[in-house]
Amino acid sequence: MSFADILASISGFLELGGPVVAVLAGLSVVALTVVILKLAQFWTQRVGRPGRAEAAVRLWGHGRRREAWQALGDIRSASEEAVAIAMQSGEGGKTVDKALVEEDIARAATRRLHRYNAGMKALDAIAQIAPLLGLFGTVLGMIEAFQKLQSAGNAVDPSLLAGGIWVALLTTAVGLAVAMPVSLVVTYLEGQIENEKVAIETLASAVLLEQARGGARATFEEVEAGGYEQVANAH
């Protein structure tokens, strides 16, 4: 099939479905563009994959600070930046206000998480409005089909009604076809952002706890098991 044939098929499909299908096709293009950009962003910035940050925190908790910085490598994700800020606050044996460090971590995390959430509302809106647009198109199509049926009078052709109904239902099918994959992608991306938030809280707290205890070992597993406050109270 040539490119011209593909364009002709798409044009015929849009003409058959009417303006509602054309709008849904436009929304699908927008959604696909945003999804590709978000997946590329999440992959390059290692969102929801805190492996390097976890390795750095483990090494830091065992006093292997040079190796911890090497494990962290080039900082890309919010969790890696949070761990780097926490580790830097204890470099050279300097004493800093824990509240100030936590505020700095929160500021950096908020900035990065805001970037991660950019475009998510647009995808969520498309996932919600696409089925409604499809249903709207179906209602309009059914109205048109019954108007034709009424104007036919006694010479009613069942195929006329059947043809109008399946064309009307086409818009609902297109709306659902757009909404379902977008909803799945939004759920996946939100899950990755949530993983990043948990990593920021637990890993940065592990480093700050180790420094608050004067160099005693406070590993990532301790904080993950009981939380910063619980571990701090236990010691």
Protein backbone atom coordinates (compact mmCIF):
# COMPACT_ATOMS: atom_id res chain seq x y z
CA MET A 1 0.00 0.00 0.00
CA SER A 2 1.41 3.34 -1.07
CA PHE A 3 1.56 6.48 1.03
CA ALA A 4 -1.19 8.01 -1.10
CA ASP A 5 -3.44 5.04 -0.36
CA ILE A 6 -2.80 5.40 3.38
CA LEU A 7 -3.69 9.10 3.21
CA ALA A 8 -6.83 8.28 1.25
CA SER A 9 -7.87 5.70 3.86
CA ILE A 10 -7.30 8.14 6.71
CA SER A 11 -9.19 10.87 4.88
CA GLY A 12 -12.11 8.52 4.22
CA PHE A 13 -12.17 7.42 7.85
CA LEU A 14 -12.21 11.02 9.10
CA GLU A 15 -14.95 11.93 6.63
CA LEU A 16 -17.01 8.95 7.71
CA GLY A 17 -16.67 9.73 11.41
CA GLY A 18 -17.28 13.42 11.00
CA PRO A 19 -15.80 16.36 12.92
CA VAL A 20 -15.81 14.52 16.26
CA VAL A 21 -13.48 11.82 14.94
CA ALA A 22 -11.28 14.53 13.45
CA VAL A 23 -11.03 16.20 16.88
CA LEU A 24 -10.24 12.84 18.51
CA ALA A 25 -7.55 12.20 15.90
CA GLY A 26 -5.99 15.56 16.75
CA LEU A 27 -6.09 14.74 20.46
CA SER A 28 -4.44 11.38 19.78
CA VAL A 29 -1.57 13.13 17.97
CA VAL A 30 -1.14 15.55 20.89
CA ALA A 31 -1.25 12.68 23.41
CA LEU A 32 1.29 10.63 21.45
CA THR A 33 3.67 13.59 21.26
CA VAL A 34 3.43 14.28 25.00
CA VAL A 35 3.83 10.58 25.85
CA ILE A 36 7.00 10.28 23.76
CA LEU A 37 8.46 13.41 25.35
CA LYS A 38 7.61 12.25 28.88
CA LEU A 39 8.99 8.75 28.38
CA ALA A 40 12.21 10.21 26.97
CA GLN A 41 12.44 12.62 29.91
CA PHE A 42 11.83 9.90 32.49
CA TRP A 43 14.37 7.57 30.87
CA THR A 44 17.19 10.11 30.48
CA GLN A 45 16.67 11.51 34.00
CA ARG A 46 16.25 8.06 35.61
CA VAL A 47 12.92 8.95 37.20
CA GLY A 48 11.68 6.14 39.47
CA ARG A 49 15.01 4.28 39.17
CA PRO A 50 16.96 5.24 42.31
CA GLY A 51 19.56 2.49 41.95
CA ARG A 52 22.54 4.84 41.91
CA ALA A 53 21.24 6.87 44.84
CA GLU A 54 20.64 3.70 46.87
CA ALA A 55 24.16 2.43 46.15
CA ALA A 56 25.64 5.80 47.16
CA VAL A 57 23.69 5.83 50.44
CA ARG A 58 24.84 2.30 51.32
CA LEU A 59 28.48 3.22 50.72
CA TRP A 60 28.07 6.48 52.63
CA GLY A 61 26.58 4.65 55.60
CA HIS A 62 29.65 2.41 55.74
CA GLY A 63 32.02 5.36 55.71
CA ARG A 64 33.16 4.87 52.10
CA ARG A 65 32.49 8.46 51.09
CA ARG A 66 34.70 8.70 48.02
CA GLU A 67 33.10 5.56 46.60
CA ALA A 68 29.67 6.96 47.46
CA TRP A 69 30.28 10.02 45.29
CA GLN A 70 31.60 7.81 42.51
CA ALA A 71 28.51 5.58 42.71
CA LEU A 72 26.28 8.64 42.46
CA GLY A 73 27.96 9.66 39.23
CA ASP A 74 26.37 12.36 37.11
CA ILE A 75 23.32 13.67 38.92
CA ARG A 76 20.14 13.42 36.84
CA SER A 77 17.16 12.45 39.01
CA ALA A 78 15.54 14.21 41.95
CA SER A 79 16.57 11.42 44.35
CA GLU A 80 20.20 11.65 43.24
CA GLU A 81 20.20 15.43 43.73
CA ALA A 82 18.61 15.06 47.18
CA VAL A 83 21.25 12.52 48.23
CA ALA A 84 24.03 14.73 46.84
CA ILE A 85 22.79 17.73 48.83
CA ALA A 86 22.58 15.63 52.00
CA MET A 87 26.06 14.19 51.49
CA GLN A 88 27.58 17.56 50.67
CA SER A 89 26.21 19.02 53.91
CA GLY A 90 28.47 16.70 55.90
CA GLU A 91 31.62 17.05 53.82
CA GLY A 92 34.75 18.16 55.64
CA GLY A 93 33.23 17.46 59.04
CA LYS A 94 31.30 20.71 58.96
CA THR A 95 28.19 21.09 61.09
CA VAL A 96 25.10 22.51 59.46
CA ASP A 97 21.54 23.08 60.55
CA LYS A 98 19.57 19.95 59.66
CA ALA A 99 16.43 22.01 59.06
CA LEU A 100 18.26 24.15 56.50
CA VAL A 101 19.54 21.08 54.68
CA GLU A 102 16.07 19.55 54.61
CA GLU A 103 14.67 22.83 53.28
CA ASP A 104 17.30 22.86 50.54
CA ILE A 105 16.47 19.26 49.65
CA ALA A 106 12.74 20.05 49.59
CA ARG A 107 13.32 23.06 47.33
CA ALA A 108 15.40 21.06 44.85
CA ALA A 109 12.96 18.14 44.91
CA THR A 110 9.96 20.41 44.37
CA ARG A 111 11.62 22.00 41.34
CA ARG A 112 12.42 18.65 39.73
CA LEU A 113 9.07 17.03 40.58
CA HIS A 114 7.32 20.01 39.00
CA ARG A 115 9.21 19.29 35.79
CA TYR A 116 8.24 15.63 35.97
CA ASN A 117 4.57 16.55 36.35
CA ALA A 118 4.63 18.92 33.37
CA GLY A 119 2.27 17.58 30.71
CA MET A 120 0.61 15.07 33.04
CA LYS A 121 -2.54 17.17 33.41
CA ALA A 122 -2.84 17.42 29.64
CA LEU A 123 -2.65 13.63 29.30
CA ASP A 124 -5.14 13.17 32.12
CA ALA A 125 -7.53 15.65 30.47
CA ILE A 126 -7.29 13.81 27.14
CA ALA A 127 -7.95 10.48 28.84
CA GLN A 128 -11.08 11.91 30.48
CA ILE A 129 -12.49 13.94 27.59
CA ALA A 130 -11.90 11.45 24.75
CA PRO A 131 -14.70 9.01 25.80
CA LEU A 132 -17.05 11.94 26.39
CA LEU A 133 -16.32 13.31 22.93
CA GLY A 134 -16.91 9.86 21.49
CA LEU A 135 -20.24 9.58 23.27
CA PHE A 136 -21.16 13.08 22.09
CA GLY A 137 -20.45 12.07 18.51
CA THR A 138 -22.55 8.93 18.95
CA VAL A 139 -25.51 10.95 20.21
CA LEU A 140 -25.23 13.34 17.28
CA GLY A 141 -24.99 10.41 14.87
CA MET A 142 -28.05 8.72 16.37
CA ILE A 143 -30.04 11.94 16.08
CA GLU A 144 -29.06 12.23 12.43
CA ALA A 145 -29.92 8.58 11.77
CA PHE A 146 -33.40 8.89 13.28
CA GLN A 147 -33.99 12.14 11.39
CA LYS A 148 -33.29 10.30 8.14
CA LEU A 149 -35.56 7.49 9.28
CA GLN A 150 -38.35 9.94 9.98
CA SER A 151 -37.96 11.73 6.66
CA ALA A 152 -38.16 8.39 4.84
CA GLY A 153 -41.78 8.02 5.96
CA ASN A 154 -43.38 4.72 4.97
CA ALA A 155 -40.48 3.79 2.72
CA VAL A 156 -38.28 2.75 5.64
CA ASP A 157 -35.07 0.98 4.71
CA PRO A 158 -33.64 -0.99 7.70
CA SER A 159 -30.18 -0.74 6.21
CA LEU A 160 -30.43 3.04 6.40
CA LEU A 161 -30.96 2.90 10.16
CA ALA A 162 -28.31 0.21 10.69
CA GLY A 163 -25.75 2.16 8.67
CA GLY A 164 -26.44 5.33 10.62
CA ILE A 165 -26.09 3.52 13.96
CA TRP A 166 -22.74 1.88 13.25
CA VAL A 167 -21.33 5.14 11.95
CA ALA A 168 -22.57 6.86 15.11
CA LEU A 169 -21.01 4.21 17.34
CA LEU A 170 -17.71 4.66 15.52
CA THR A 171 -17.00 7.85 17.45
CA THR A 172 -17.42 6.10 20.81
CA ALA A 173 -15.01 3.37 19.71
CA VAL A 174 -12.43 5.97 18.62
CA GLY A 175 -12.84 7.88 21.89
CA LEU A 176 -12.21 4.74 23.94
CA ALA A 177 -9.28 3.77 21.71
CA VAL A 178 -7.66 7.11 22.49
CA ALA A 179 -8.51 7.17 26.21
CA MET A 180 -7.46 3.67 27.28
CA PRO A 181 -3.75 3.70 26.32
CA VAL A 182 -3.37 7.29 27.54
CA SER A 183 -4.83 6.28 30.92
CA LEU A 184 -2.35 3.39 31.18
CA VAL A 185 0.59 5.67 30.38
CA VAL A 186 -0.57 8.27 32.93
CA THR A 187 -0.82 5.56 35.60
CA TYR A 188 2.70 4.33 34.79
CA LEU A 189 4.22 7.83 34.85
CA GLU A 190 2.48 8.72 38.11
CA GLY A 191 3.83 5.50 39.63
CA GLN A 192 7.37 6.45 38.61
CA ILE A 193 6.96 9.91 40.15
CA GLU A 194 5.68 8.34 43.37
CA ASN A 195 8.71 6.02 43.45
CA GLU A 196 10.94 9.07 43.06
CA LYS A 197 9.21 10.86 45.95
CA VAL A 198 9.69 7.86 48.26
CA ALA A 199 13.36 7.60 47.24
CA ILE A 200 13.92 11.30 48.00
CA GLU A 201 12.44 11.00 51.49
CA THR A 202 14.09 7.74 52.54
CA LEU A 203 17.53 8.11 50.99
CA ALA A 204 18.17 11.73 51.97
CA SER A 205 16.96 10.93 55.50
CA ALA A 206 19.40 8.04 55.69
CA VAL A 207 22.36 10.33 54.95
CA LEU A 208 21.19 13.01 57.38
CA LEU A 209 20.63 10.39 60.09
CA GLU A 210 24.16 9.05 59.66
CA GLN A 211 25.56 12.55 60.06
CA ALA A 212 23.33 13.32 63.06
CA ARG A 213 24.64 10.20 64.80
CA GLY A 214 28.23 11.36 64.39
CA GLY A 215 29.34 8.90 61.76
CA ALA A 216 27.68 5.75 63.10
CA ARG A 217 26.24 3.60 60.38
CA ALA A 218 22.73 4.49 59.31
CA THR A 219 21.89 2.59 56.18
CA PHE A 220 19.17 2.99 53.62
CA GLU A 221 17.56 -0.24 54.86
CA GLU A 222 17.16 1.21 58.40
CA VAL A 223 15.26 4.23 57.20
CA GLU A 224 13.21 2.22 54.72
CA ALA A 225 12.18 -0.22 57.46
CA GLY A 226 11.11 2.25 60.11
CA GLY A 227 11.37 5.81 58.88
CA TYR A 228 13.71 8.56 59.98
CA GLU A 229 11.97 9.47 63.23
CA GLN A 230 11.63 5.88 64.39
CA VAL A 231 15.29 5.09 63.76
CA ALA A 232 16.43 8.31 65.40
CA ASN A 233 14.37 7.62 68.52
CA ALA A 234 15.71 4.09 68.74
CA HIS A 235 19.25 5.41 68.99
